[in-house]
């Protein structure tokens, strides 16, 4: 592991795992929110290090930004300490175990990691690896001049924007609707507003 980029990726991944475990372990809700924000920020740096800048921006804006603000706003109504409860939830443990076993069984039929003959490798991936994405492929002159036109110069961006464009558009609509619902839920009730005005 002499490659410094690989070492940085491994370090970021380890730090993200530590932050996620710490967020699940702590009973201080404010600390958990901060740790989840750190987790999202580490993932954003990881995506940027993998040259997936659009995913990095989204993770930083939504995960480390908007989600953290919404959770902090929710804490103003719930308090910062988690209520004591049973230490072991058998139903949750059984559900998680069964789900994990089913997922492991489902992955047993998948091609081996990095298999050059896997369907995704021989069918879809070559288009993105060679950057032949879009309505019109970029010609050699445009590539040298940095003008890609409809052509997407990043494999991750190509998958999200070109191949999954409609899916991403409807995901944006769902997130927008969820944001409106959160604003409506956090809005003070009419009775509370009147009591504040009277006070």
N, C-alpha and C. Protein backbone atom coordinates (compact mmCIF):
# COMPACT_ATOMS: atom_id res chain seq x y z
N UNK A 1 0.84 -1.20 0.00
CA UNK A 1 0.00 0.00 0.00
C UNK A 1 0.88 1.25 0.00
N UNK A 2 1.75 1.38 -0.99
CA UNK A 2 2.63 2.54 -1.09
C UNK A 2 1.97 3.71 -1.82
N UNK A 3 0.82 3.49 -2.42
CA UNK A 3 0.12 4.54 -3.15
C UNK A 3 -0.49 5.51 -2.14
N UNK A 4 -0.09 6.79 -2.14
CA UNK A 4 -0.62 7.74 -1.15
C UNK A 4 -2.12 7.98 -1.31
N UNK A 5 -2.61 7.94 -2.55
CA UNK A 5 -4.05 8.14 -2.76
C UNK A 5 -4.85 7.00 -2.13
N UNK A 6 -4.36 5.77 -2.30
CA UNK A 6 -5.02 4.63 -1.68
C UNK A 6 -4.99 4.74 -0.17
N UNK A 7 -3.88 5.19 0.39
CA UNK A 7 -3.78 5.35 1.84
C UNK A 7 -4.78 6.39 2.34
N UNK A 8 -4.92 7.48 1.60
CA UNK A 8 -5.89 8.52 1.98
C UNK A 8 -7.30 7.97 1.91
N UNK A 9 -7.62 7.21 0.86
CA UNK A 9 -8.95 6.62 0.74
C UNK A 9 -9.25 5.68 1.90
N UNK A 10 -8.28 4.84 2.25
CA UNK A 10 -8.46 3.91 3.37
C UNK A 10 -8.64 4.67 4.67
N UNK A 11 -7.85 5.72 4.88
CA UNK A 11 -7.95 6.51 6.10
C UNK A 11 -9.32 7.18 6.21
N UNK A 12 -9.79 7.76 5.11
CA UNK A 12 -11.11 8.40 5.12
C UNK A 12 -12.21 7.38 5.40
N UNK A 13 -12.09 6.20 4.81
CA UNK A 13 -13.09 5.15 5.04
C UNK A 13 -13.10 4.71 6.49
N UNK A 14 -11.92 4.53 7.08
CA UNK A 14 -11.84 4.12 8.49
C UNK A 14 -12.43 5.19 9.40
N UNK A 15 -12.10 6.45 9.13
CA UNK A 15 -12.65 7.54 9.94
C UNK A 15 -14.17 7.63 9.81
N UNK A 16 -14.70 7.39 8.59
CA UNK A 16 -16.15 7.41 8.40
C UNK A 16 -16.82 6.28 9.17
N UNK A 17 -16.22 5.09 9.16
CA UNK A 17 -16.77 3.96 9.92
C UNK A 17 -16.76 4.26 11.41
N UNK A 18 -15.66 4.84 11.91
CA UNK A 18 -15.58 5.20 13.33
C UNK A 18 -16.65 6.22 13.69
N UNK A 19 -16.84 7.23 12.84
CA UNK A 19 -17.87 8.25 13.10
C UNK A 19 -19.26 7.63 13.11
N UNK A 20 -19.55 6.71 12.19
CA UNK A 20 -20.87 6.07 12.14
C UNK A 20 -21.11 5.23 13.39
N UNK A 21 -20.11 4.45 13.82
CA UNK A 21 -20.27 3.62 15.02
C UNK A 21 -20.45 4.50 16.25
N UNK A 22 -19.67 5.58 16.34
CA UNK A 22 -19.80 6.49 17.48
C UNK A 22 -21.17 7.15 17.51
N UNK A 23 -21.72 7.50 16.33
CA UNK A 23 -23.05 8.12 16.28
C UNK A 23 -24.13 7.15 16.75
N UNK A 24 -23.97 5.87 16.44
CA UNK A 24 -24.95 4.88 16.91
C UNK A 24 -24.77 4.58 18.40
N UNK A 25 -23.55 4.72 18.89
CA UNK A 25 -23.25 4.32 20.27
C UNK A 25 -23.67 5.38 21.29
N UNK A 26 -23.50 6.65 20.94
CA UNK A 26 -23.75 7.71 21.91
C UNK A 26 -25.24 7.89 22.18
N UNK A 27 -25.55 8.30 23.42
CA UNK A 27 -26.93 8.60 23.79
C UNK A 27 -27.21 10.10 23.79
N UNK A 28 -26.18 10.89 23.53
CA UNK A 28 -26.36 12.33 23.40
C UNK A 28 -26.76 12.63 21.97
N UNK A 29 -27.99 13.07 21.78
CA UNK A 29 -28.51 13.26 20.43
C UNK A 29 -27.79 14.38 19.70
N UNK A 30 -27.40 15.42 20.42
CA UNK A 30 -26.64 16.50 19.78
C UNK A 30 -25.30 15.98 19.28
N UNK A 31 -24.63 15.17 20.10
CA UNK A 31 -23.38 14.58 19.66
C UNK A 31 -23.57 13.65 18.47
N UNK A 32 -24.68 12.89 18.46
CA UNK A 32 -24.96 11.99 17.35
C UNK A 32 -25.16 12.77 16.05
N UNK A 33 -25.86 13.91 16.14
CA UNK A 33 -26.07 14.73 14.94
C UNK A 33 -24.74 15.26 14.43
N UNK A 34 -23.89 15.71 15.34
CA UNK A 34 -22.58 16.23 14.93
C UNK A 34 -21.73 15.13 14.30
N UNK A 35 -21.78 13.94 14.88
CA UNK A 35 -21.01 12.83 14.33
C UNK A 35 -21.52 12.42 12.95
N UNK A 36 -22.84 12.46 12.74
CA UNK A 36 -23.38 12.15 11.42
C UNK A 36 -22.99 13.21 10.40
N UNK A 37 -22.91 14.48 10.85
CA UNK A 37 -22.42 15.53 9.96
C UNK A 37 -20.97 15.30 9.57
N UNK A 38 -20.15 14.87 10.55
CA UNK A 38 -18.75 14.54 10.25
C UNK A 38 -18.68 13.37 9.30
N UNK A 39 -19.53 12.37 9.51
CA UNK A 39 -19.58 11.20 8.63
C UNK A 39 -19.87 11.61 7.18
N UNK A 40 -20.88 12.47 7.01
CA UNK A 40 -21.23 12.92 5.66
C UNK A 40 -20.10 13.74 5.04
N UNK A 41 -19.44 14.56 5.85
CA UNK A 41 -18.34 15.37 5.33
C UNK A 41 -17.17 14.49 4.90
N UNK A 42 -16.88 13.45 5.67
CA UNK A 42 -15.81 12.52 5.29
C UNK A 42 -16.15 11.80 3.99
N UNK A 43 -17.43 11.40 3.83
CA UNK A 43 -17.83 10.76 2.57
C UNK A 43 -17.74 11.73 1.40
N UNK A 44 -18.06 13.01 1.65
CA UNK A 44 -17.95 14.00 0.58
C UNK A 44 -16.50 14.13 0.13
N UNK A 45 -15.56 14.14 1.09
CA UNK A 45 -14.15 14.22 0.74
C UNK A 45 -13.72 12.95 -0.01
N UNK A 46 -14.26 11.81 0.43
CA UNK A 46 -13.93 10.54 -0.24
C UNK A 46 -14.40 10.55 -1.69
N UNK A 47 -15.63 11.02 -1.92
CA UNK A 47 -16.14 11.09 -3.29
C UNK A 47 -15.31 12.05 -4.14
N UNK A 48 -14.91 13.18 -3.54
CA UNK A 48 -14.08 14.13 -4.27
C UNK A 48 -12.73 13.52 -4.61
N UNK A 49 -12.20 12.71 -3.71
CA UNK A 49 -10.93 12.04 -3.96
C UNK A 49 -11.05 11.00 -5.06
N UNK A 50 -12.28 10.49 -5.28
CA UNK A 50 -12.53 9.54 -6.36
C UNK A 50 -12.98 10.23 -7.65
N UNK A 51 -12.87 11.57 -7.67
CA UNK A 51 -13.21 12.38 -8.85
C UNK A 51 -14.69 12.35 -9.20
N UNK A 52 -15.54 12.06 -8.23
CA UNK A 52 -16.99 12.14 -8.43
C UNK A 52 -17.48 13.42 -7.76
N UNK A 53 -17.21 14.54 -8.40
CA UNK A 53 -17.43 15.84 -7.76
C UNK A 53 -18.91 16.13 -7.53
N UNK A 54 -19.78 15.71 -8.47
CA UNK A 54 -21.19 16.00 -8.29
C UNK A 54 -21.75 15.25 -7.08
N UNK A 55 -21.34 14.00 -6.90
CA UNK A 55 -21.77 13.24 -5.73
C UNK A 55 -21.20 13.85 -4.46
N UNK A 56 -19.97 14.35 -4.54
CA UNK A 56 -19.34 15.00 -3.39
C UNK A 56 -20.11 16.26 -3.00
N UNK A 57 -20.48 17.07 -3.98
CA UNK A 57 -21.24 18.29 -3.69
C UNK A 57 -22.58 17.95 -3.06
N UNK A 58 -23.24 16.94 -3.62
CA UNK A 58 -24.56 16.55 -3.09
C UNK A 58 -24.44 16.05 -1.66
N UNK A 59 -23.43 15.21 -1.39
CA UNK A 59 -23.24 14.69 -0.04
C UNK A 59 -22.94 15.82 0.95
N UNK A 60 -22.11 16.77 0.54
CA UNK A 60 -21.77 17.88 1.42
C UNK A 60 -22.98 18.78 1.67
N UNK A 61 -23.76 19.05 0.61
CA UNK A 61 -24.89 19.96 0.75
C UNK A 61 -26.05 19.33 1.49
N UNK A 62 -26.37 18.07 1.14
CA UNK A 62 -27.53 17.40 1.74
C UNK A 62 -27.17 16.72 3.05
N UNK A 63 -26.10 15.90 3.03
CA UNK A 63 -25.74 15.14 4.21
C UNK A 63 -25.17 15.98 5.33
N UNK A 64 -24.10 16.72 5.02
CA UNK A 64 -23.44 17.52 6.05
C UNK A 64 -24.12 18.86 6.27
N UNK A 65 -24.93 19.31 5.32
CA UNK A 65 -25.56 20.62 5.44
C UNK A 65 -27.02 20.56 5.83
N UNK A 66 -27.89 20.27 4.86
CA UNK A 66 -29.34 20.35 5.08
C UNK A 66 -29.82 19.36 6.14
N UNK A 67 -29.36 18.11 6.06
CA UNK A 67 -29.81 17.10 7.03
C UNK A 67 -29.39 17.46 8.45
N UNK A 68 -28.17 17.97 8.60
CA UNK A 68 -27.70 18.38 9.93
C UNK A 68 -28.55 19.52 10.47
N UNK A 69 -28.87 20.50 9.64
CA UNK A 69 -29.70 21.62 10.08
C UNK A 69 -31.09 21.14 10.48
N UNK A 70 -31.69 20.24 9.69
CA UNK A 70 -33.02 19.73 10.03
C UNK A 70 -33.00 18.94 11.33
N UNK A 71 -31.96 18.12 11.53
CA UNK A 71 -31.87 17.35 12.77
C UNK A 71 -31.65 18.26 13.97
N UNK A 72 -30.83 19.30 13.82
CA UNK A 72 -30.64 20.25 14.93
C UNK A 72 -31.94 20.99 15.24
N UNK A 73 -32.71 21.31 14.20
CA UNK A 73 -34.00 21.95 14.42
C UNK A 73 -34.95 21.02 15.16
N UNK A 74 -34.92 19.73 14.80
CA UNK A 74 -35.77 18.76 15.50
C UNK A 74 -35.37 18.61 16.96
N UNK A 75 -34.07 18.75 17.27
CA UNK A 75 -33.62 18.63 18.66
C UNK A 75 -34.18 19.72 19.55
N UNK A 76 -34.53 20.87 18.96
CA UNK A 76 -35.11 21.94 19.77
C UNK A 76 -36.48 21.55 20.32
N UNK A 77 -37.08 20.51 19.75
CA UNK A 77 -38.39 20.05 20.21
C UNK A 77 -38.33 18.75 20.99
N UNK A 78 -37.25 18.02 20.86
CA UNK A 78 -37.19 16.71 21.51
C UNK A 78 -36.22 16.67 22.68
N UNK A 79 -35.28 17.59 22.78
CA UNK A 79 -34.25 17.51 23.80
C UNK A 79 -33.01 16.82 23.24
N UNK A 80 -31.91 16.93 23.97
CA UNK A 80 -30.63 16.43 23.48
C UNK A 80 -30.22 15.09 24.08
N UNK A 81 -31.05 14.50 24.93
CA UNK A 81 -30.70 13.22 25.53
C UNK A 81 -31.70 12.16 25.11
N UNK A 82 -31.19 10.98 24.77
CA UNK A 82 -32.05 9.86 24.40
C UNK A 82 -32.62 9.22 25.66
N UNK A 83 -33.91 8.89 25.63
CA UNK A 83 -34.54 8.27 26.78
C UNK A 83 -34.02 6.85 26.97
N UNK A 84 -33.91 6.47 28.23
CA UNK A 84 -33.45 5.12 28.54
C UNK A 84 -34.49 4.10 28.08
N UNK A 85 -34.03 3.04 27.47
CA UNK A 85 -34.92 1.99 27.01
C UNK A 85 -34.25 0.65 27.15
N UNK A 86 -34.89 -0.40 26.69
CA UNK A 86 -34.26 -1.72 26.77
C UNK A 86 -32.98 -1.76 25.96
N UNK A 87 -31.95 -2.39 26.53
CA UNK A 87 -30.65 -2.42 25.86
C UNK A 87 -30.64 -3.36 24.65
N UNK A 88 -31.54 -4.33 24.62
CA UNK A 88 -31.55 -5.29 23.53
C UNK A 88 -32.96 -5.46 23.00
N UNK A 89 -33.18 -5.10 21.75
CA UNK A 89 -34.48 -5.26 21.09
C UNK A 89 -34.42 -6.54 20.27
N UNK A 90 -35.08 -7.59 20.78
CA UNK A 90 -35.00 -8.88 20.11
C UNK A 90 -35.63 -8.84 18.71
N UNK A 91 -36.74 -8.12 18.58
CA UNK A 91 -37.40 -8.06 17.27
C UNK A 91 -36.49 -7.37 16.24
N UNK A 92 -35.82 -6.29 16.66
CA UNK A 92 -34.91 -5.60 15.74
C UNK A 92 -33.71 -6.48 15.41
N UNK A 93 -33.19 -7.20 16.41
CA UNK A 93 -32.05 -8.08 16.17
C UNK A 93 -32.39 -9.21 15.20
N UNK A 94 -33.57 -9.80 15.38
CA UNK A 94 -34.00 -10.89 14.50
C UNK A 94 -34.22 -10.37 13.08
N UNK A 95 -34.87 -9.20 12.97
CA UNK A 95 -35.13 -8.62 11.65
C UNK A 95 -33.83 -8.30 10.92
N UNK A 96 -32.88 -7.69 11.64
CA UNK A 96 -31.59 -7.35 11.02
C UNK A 96 -30.82 -8.60 10.62
N UNK A 97 -30.88 -9.64 11.46
CA UNK A 97 -30.16 -10.88 11.15
C UNK A 97 -30.74 -11.56 9.91
N UNK A 98 -32.07 -11.67 9.86
CA UNK A 98 -32.72 -12.30 8.71
C UNK A 98 -32.45 -11.51 7.44
N UNK A 99 -32.53 -10.17 7.53
CA UNK A 99 -32.26 -9.33 6.36
C UNK A 99 -30.82 -9.51 5.88
N UNK A 100 -29.87 -9.54 6.82
CA UNK A 100 -28.47 -9.73 6.45
C UNK A 100 -28.23 -11.07 5.78
N UNK A 101 -28.86 -12.14 6.30
CA UNK A 101 -28.69 -13.47 5.71
C UNK A 101 -29.26 -13.50 4.30
N UNK A 102 -30.44 -12.89 4.11
CA UNK A 102 -31.06 -12.87 2.78
C UNK A 102 -30.18 -12.09 1.80
N UNK A 103 -29.63 -10.94 2.24
CA UNK A 103 -28.77 -10.16 1.36
C UNK A 103 -27.49 -10.92 1.00
N UNK A 104 -26.90 -11.60 1.99
CA UNK A 104 -25.70 -12.39 1.71
C UNK A 104 -26.00 -13.53 0.74
N UNK A 105 -27.17 -14.16 0.91
CA UNK A 105 -27.55 -15.23 0.00
C UNK A 105 -27.77 -14.68 -1.42
N UNK A 106 -28.35 -13.47 -1.49
CA UNK A 106 -28.58 -12.87 -2.81
C UNK A 106 -27.29 -12.50 -3.52
N UNK A 107 -26.28 -12.09 -2.76
CA UNK A 107 -25.01 -11.73 -3.39
C UNK A 107 -24.17 -12.93 -3.79
N UNK A 108 -24.55 -14.11 -3.34
CA UNK A 108 -23.74 -15.30 -3.67
C UNK A 108 -23.81 -15.63 -5.15
N UNK A 109 -24.84 -15.17 -5.86
CA UNK A 109 -25.00 -15.46 -7.28
C UNK A 109 -24.44 -14.35 -8.17
N UNK A 110 -23.92 -13.27 -7.56
CA UNK A 110 -23.37 -12.17 -8.34
C UNK A 110 -22.01 -12.54 -8.91
N UNK A 111 -21.61 -11.89 -10.01
CA UNK A 111 -20.25 -12.14 -10.53
C UNK A 111 -19.20 -11.71 -9.53
N UNK A 112 -18.02 -12.27 -9.64
CA UNK A 112 -16.93 -11.89 -8.75
C UNK A 112 -16.55 -10.44 -8.98
N UNK A 113 -16.08 -9.79 -7.93
CA UNK A 113 -15.69 -8.38 -8.03
C UNK A 113 -14.54 -8.23 -9.04
N UNK A 114 -14.75 -7.34 -10.01
CA UNK A 114 -13.73 -7.11 -11.02
C UNK A 114 -13.73 -8.11 -12.15
N UNK A 115 -14.76 -8.96 -12.24
CA UNK A 115 -14.81 -9.96 -13.30
C UNK A 115 -14.96 -9.26 -14.66
N UNK A 116 -14.01 -9.43 -15.57
CA UNK A 116 -14.10 -8.73 -16.87
C UNK A 116 -15.24 -9.24 -17.74
N UNK A 117 -15.80 -10.42 -17.42
CA UNK A 117 -16.88 -10.97 -18.23
C UNK A 117 -18.26 -10.75 -17.59
N UNK A 118 -18.33 -9.95 -16.54
CA UNK A 118 -19.61 -9.67 -15.91
C UNK A 118 -20.50 -8.86 -16.86
N UNK A 119 -21.82 -9.05 -16.82
CA UNK A 119 -22.71 -8.33 -17.75
C UNK A 119 -22.54 -6.81 -17.69
N UNK A 120 -22.40 -6.27 -16.49
CA UNK A 120 -22.23 -4.81 -16.39
C UNK A 120 -20.92 -4.35 -17.01
N UNK A 121 -19.91 -5.21 -16.96
CA UNK A 121 -18.59 -4.84 -17.48
C UNK A 121 -18.55 -4.86 -19.00
N UNK A 122 -19.24 -5.81 -19.61
CA UNK A 122 -19.17 -5.95 -21.07
C UNK A 122 -20.28 -5.19 -21.78
N UNK A 123 -21.29 -4.71 -21.06
CA UNK A 123 -22.41 -4.07 -21.73
C UNK A 123 -22.45 -2.56 -21.50
N UNK A 124 -22.51 -2.14 -20.24
CA UNK A 124 -22.71 -0.72 -19.93
C UNK A 124 -21.41 0.01 -19.67
N UNK A 125 -20.52 -0.61 -18.91
CA UNK A 125 -19.31 0.08 -18.47
C UNK A 125 -18.44 0.62 -19.60
N UNK A 126 -18.25 -0.11 -20.72
CA UNK A 126 -17.37 0.44 -21.77
C UNK A 126 -17.79 1.81 -22.26
N UNK A 127 -19.10 2.09 -22.29
CA UNK A 127 -19.55 3.41 -22.74
C UNK A 127 -19.05 4.51 -21.82
N UNK A 128 -19.08 4.23 -20.50
CA UNK A 128 -18.67 5.25 -19.55
C UNK A 128 -17.16 5.33 -19.41
N UNK A 129 -16.50 4.18 -19.53
CA UNK A 129 -15.03 4.19 -19.43
C UNK A 129 -14.43 4.95 -20.60
N UNK A 130 -14.99 4.76 -21.79
CA UNK A 130 -14.49 5.48 -22.96
C UNK A 130 -15.14 6.84 -23.12
N UNK A 131 -16.02 7.20 -22.19
CA UNK A 131 -16.67 8.52 -22.17
C UNK A 131 -17.56 8.74 -23.39
N UNK A 132 -18.14 7.67 -23.92
CA UNK A 132 -19.06 7.81 -25.04
C UNK A 132 -20.48 7.92 -24.50
N UNK A 133 -20.79 9.07 -23.94
CA UNK A 133 -22.07 9.27 -23.29
C UNK A 133 -22.70 10.53 -23.86
N UNK A 134 -23.99 10.50 -24.05
CA UNK A 134 -24.68 11.68 -24.52
C UNK A 134 -25.31 11.47 -25.87
N UNK A 135 -26.05 12.46 -26.34
CA UNK A 135 -26.71 12.35 -27.63
C UNK A 135 -25.68 12.32 -28.76
N UNK A 136 -24.65 13.13 -28.61
CA UNK A 136 -23.61 13.20 -29.63
C UNK A 136 -22.27 13.02 -28.93
N UNK A 137 -21.49 12.04 -29.35
CA UNK A 137 -20.18 11.82 -28.73
C UNK A 137 -19.23 12.97 -29.09
N UNK A 138 -18.36 13.27 -28.14
CA UNK A 138 -17.38 14.33 -28.40
C UNK A 138 -16.34 13.83 -29.39
N UNK A 139 -16.04 14.67 -30.37
CA UNK A 139 -14.98 14.29 -31.31
C UNK A 139 -13.62 14.68 -30.73
N UNK A 140 -12.56 14.29 -31.42
CA UNK A 140 -11.21 14.48 -30.88
C UNK A 140 -10.87 15.95 -30.73
N UNK A 141 -11.32 16.78 -31.68
CA UNK A 141 -11.02 18.21 -31.61
C UNK A 141 -11.66 18.85 -30.39
N UNK A 142 -12.94 18.51 -30.15
CA UNK A 142 -13.63 19.07 -28.99
C UNK A 142 -13.00 18.60 -27.69
N UNK A 143 -12.54 17.37 -27.66
CA UNK A 143 -11.91 16.86 -26.44
C UNK A 143 -10.64 17.63 -26.14
N UNK A 144 -9.85 17.91 -27.17
CA UNK A 144 -8.61 18.65 -26.96
C UNK A 144 -8.90 20.07 -26.50
N UNK A 145 -9.99 20.65 -26.97
CA UNK A 145 -10.35 22.01 -26.59
C UNK A 145 -11.13 22.06 -25.27
N UNK A 146 -11.47 20.89 -24.73
CA UNK A 146 -12.20 20.87 -23.47
C UNK A 146 -13.69 21.10 -23.64
N UNK A 147 -14.21 21.08 -24.88
CA UNK A 147 -15.63 21.27 -25.12
C UNK A 147 -16.26 19.90 -25.35
N UNK A 148 -16.99 19.41 -24.36
CA UNK A 148 -17.55 18.07 -24.47
C UNK A 148 -18.98 18.08 -25.01
N UNK A 149 -19.62 19.25 -25.08
CA UNK A 149 -20.98 19.31 -25.59
C UNK A 149 -21.94 18.47 -24.77
N UNK A 150 -22.65 17.57 -25.45
CA UNK A 150 -23.55 16.66 -24.76
C UNK A 150 -22.80 15.51 -24.09
N UNK A 151 -21.52 15.46 -24.29
CA UNK A 151 -20.69 14.37 -23.80
C UNK A 151 -20.29 14.65 -22.35
N UNK A 152 -20.37 13.66 -21.48
CA UNK A 152 -20.08 13.82 -20.05
C UNK A 152 -18.69 13.29 -19.77
N UNK A 153 -17.77 14.12 -19.26
CA UNK A 153 -16.38 13.68 -19.09
C UNK A 153 -16.10 12.94 -17.79
N UNK A 154 -17.11 12.55 -17.03
CA UNK A 154 -16.88 11.83 -15.78
C UNK A 154 -17.83 10.65 -15.72
N UNK A 155 -17.30 9.46 -15.38
CA UNK A 155 -18.13 8.25 -15.42
C UNK A 155 -19.28 8.31 -14.43
N UNK A 156 -19.02 8.79 -13.21
CA UNK A 156 -20.09 8.85 -12.20
C UNK A 156 -21.15 9.85 -12.61
N UNK A 157 -20.70 11.02 -13.09
CA UNK A 157 -21.65 12.03 -13.56
C UNK A 157 -22.47 11.50 -14.73
N UNK A 158 -21.81 10.73 -15.61
CA UNK A 158 -22.52 10.18 -16.76
C UNK A 158 -23.64 9.25 -16.32
N UNK A 159 -23.36 8.42 -15.32
CA UNK A 159 -24.39 7.47 -14.85
C UNK A 159 -25.54 8.23 -14.21
N UNK A 160 -25.22 9.22 -13.35
CA UNK A 160 -26.27 9.93 -12.62
C UNK A 160 -27.06 10.88 -13.52
N UNK A 161 -26.37 11.59 -14.40
CA UNK A 161 -27.02 12.62 -15.19
C UNK A 161 -27.57 12.10 -16.51
N UNK A 162 -26.80 11.29 -17.21
CA UNK A 162 -27.23 10.82 -18.53
C UNK A 162 -28.05 9.55 -18.45
N UNK A 163 -27.46 8.50 -17.84
CA UNK A 163 -28.11 7.21 -17.82
C UNK A 163 -29.30 7.19 -16.87
N UNK A 164 -29.18 7.90 -15.72
CA UNK A 164 -30.24 7.91 -14.72
C UNK A 164 -30.84 9.30 -14.59
N UNK A 165 -30.89 10.02 -15.69
CA UNK A 165 -31.36 11.40 -15.64
C UNK A 165 -32.78 11.54 -15.11
N UNK A 166 -33.71 10.73 -15.63
CA UNK A 166 -35.10 10.83 -15.18
C UNK A 166 -35.24 10.37 -13.73
N UNK A 167 -34.51 9.31 -13.38
CA UNK A 167 -34.54 8.83 -12.01
C UNK A 167 -34.07 9.92 -11.05
N UNK A 168 -32.96 10.59 -11.41
CA UNK A 168 -32.43 11.66 -10.57
C UNK A 168 -33.41 12.82 -10.49
N UNK A 169 -34.11 13.12 -11.60
CA UNK A 169 -35.07 14.21 -11.60
C UNK A 169 -36.21 13.92 -10.63
N UNK A 170 -36.73 12.69 -10.64
CA UNK A 170 -37.83 12.37 -9.74
C UNK A 170 -37.34 12.26 -8.29
N UNK A 171 -36.08 11.87 -8.09
CA UNK A 171 -35.52 11.89 -6.73
C UNK A 171 -35.49 13.32 -6.20
N UNK A 172 -35.16 14.27 -7.07
CA UNK A 172 -35.16 15.67 -6.66
C UNK A 172 -36.56 16.11 -6.27
N UNK A 173 -37.56 15.68 -7.03
CA UNK A 173 -38.94 16.02 -6.68
C UNK A 173 -39.34 15.42 -5.34
N UNK A 174 -38.91 14.19 -5.07
CA UNK A 174 -39.23 13.55 -3.79
C UNK A 174 -38.56 14.30 -2.64
N UNK A 175 -37.28 14.68 -2.81
CA UNK A 175 -36.58 15.42 -1.76
C UNK A 175 -37.24 16.77 -1.52
N UNK A 176 -37.67 17.44 -2.59
CA UNK A 176 -38.35 18.72 -2.45
C UNK A 176 -39.65 18.56 -1.67
N UNK A 177 -40.42 17.52 -2.00
CA UNK A 177 -41.67 17.26 -1.28
C UNK A 177 -41.40 16.94 0.18
N UNK A 178 -40.35 16.14 0.44
CA UNK A 178 -40.01 15.82 1.83
C UNK A 178 -39.61 17.07 2.59
N UNK A 179 -38.89 17.98 1.95
CA UNK A 179 -38.52 19.23 2.62
C UNK A 179 -39.73 20.07 2.99
N UNK A 180 -40.72 20.14 2.09
CA UNK A 180 -41.95 20.88 2.40
C UNK A 180 -42.67 20.22 3.58
N UNK A 181 -42.72 18.88 3.60
CA UNK A 181 -43.37 18.18 4.71
C UNK A 181 -42.67 18.45 6.04
N UNK A 182 -41.34 18.48 6.02
CA UNK A 182 -40.60 18.77 7.25
C UNK A 182 -40.90 20.18 7.73
N UNK A 183 -40.95 21.14 6.82
CA UNK A 183 -41.26 22.52 7.20
C UNK A 183 -42.66 22.60 7.82
N UNK A 184 -43.62 21.89 7.24
CA UNK A 184 -44.98 21.89 7.78
C UNK A 184 -45.04 21.23 9.15
N UNK A 185 -44.26 20.15 9.34
CA UNK A 185 -44.26 19.47 10.63
C UNK A 185 -43.60 20.31 11.72
N UNK A 186 -42.57 21.05 11.38
CA UNK A 186 -41.87 21.87 12.36
C UNK A 186 -42.55 23.20 12.62
N UNK A 187 -43.55 23.53 11.82
CA UNK A 187 -44.26 24.79 12.03
C UNK A 187 -45.05 24.72 13.33
N UNK A 188 -44.99 25.76 14.17
CA UNK A 188 -45.73 25.71 15.44
C UNK A 188 -47.23 25.65 15.20
N UNK A 189 -47.91 24.94 16.08
CA UNK A 189 -49.37 24.82 15.96
C UNK A 189 -50.03 26.16 16.21
N UNK A 190 -51.28 26.25 15.76
CA UNK A 190 -52.00 27.52 15.89
C UNK A 190 -52.15 27.91 17.36
N UNK A 191 -52.44 26.94 18.24
CA UNK A 191 -52.61 27.24 19.66
C UNK A 191 -51.33 27.75 20.29
N UNK A 192 -50.21 27.15 19.94
CA UNK A 192 -48.93 27.60 20.47
C UNK A 192 -48.61 29.01 20.00
N UNK A 193 -48.92 29.29 18.72
CA UNK A 193 -48.66 30.64 18.20
C UNK A 193 -49.49 31.68 18.94
N UNK A 194 -50.77 31.36 19.25
CA UNK A 194 -51.61 32.32 19.97
C UNK A 194 -51.08 32.55 21.38
N UNK A 195 -50.64 31.46 22.05
CA UNK A 195 -50.11 31.62 23.41
C UNK A 195 -48.86 32.47 23.42
N UNK A 196 -48.03 32.34 22.39
CA UNK A 196 -46.83 33.17 22.32
C UNK A 196 -47.19 34.63 22.11
N UNK A 197 -48.21 34.88 21.27
CA UNK A 197 -48.63 36.26 21.04
C UNK A 197 -49.23 36.86 22.29
N UNK A 198 -50.00 36.05 23.04
CA UNK A 198 -50.61 36.56 24.28
C UNK A 198 -49.56 36.86 25.34
N UNK A 199 -48.49 36.02 25.35
CA UNK A 199 -47.44 36.23 26.35
C UNK A 199 -46.66 37.50 26.03
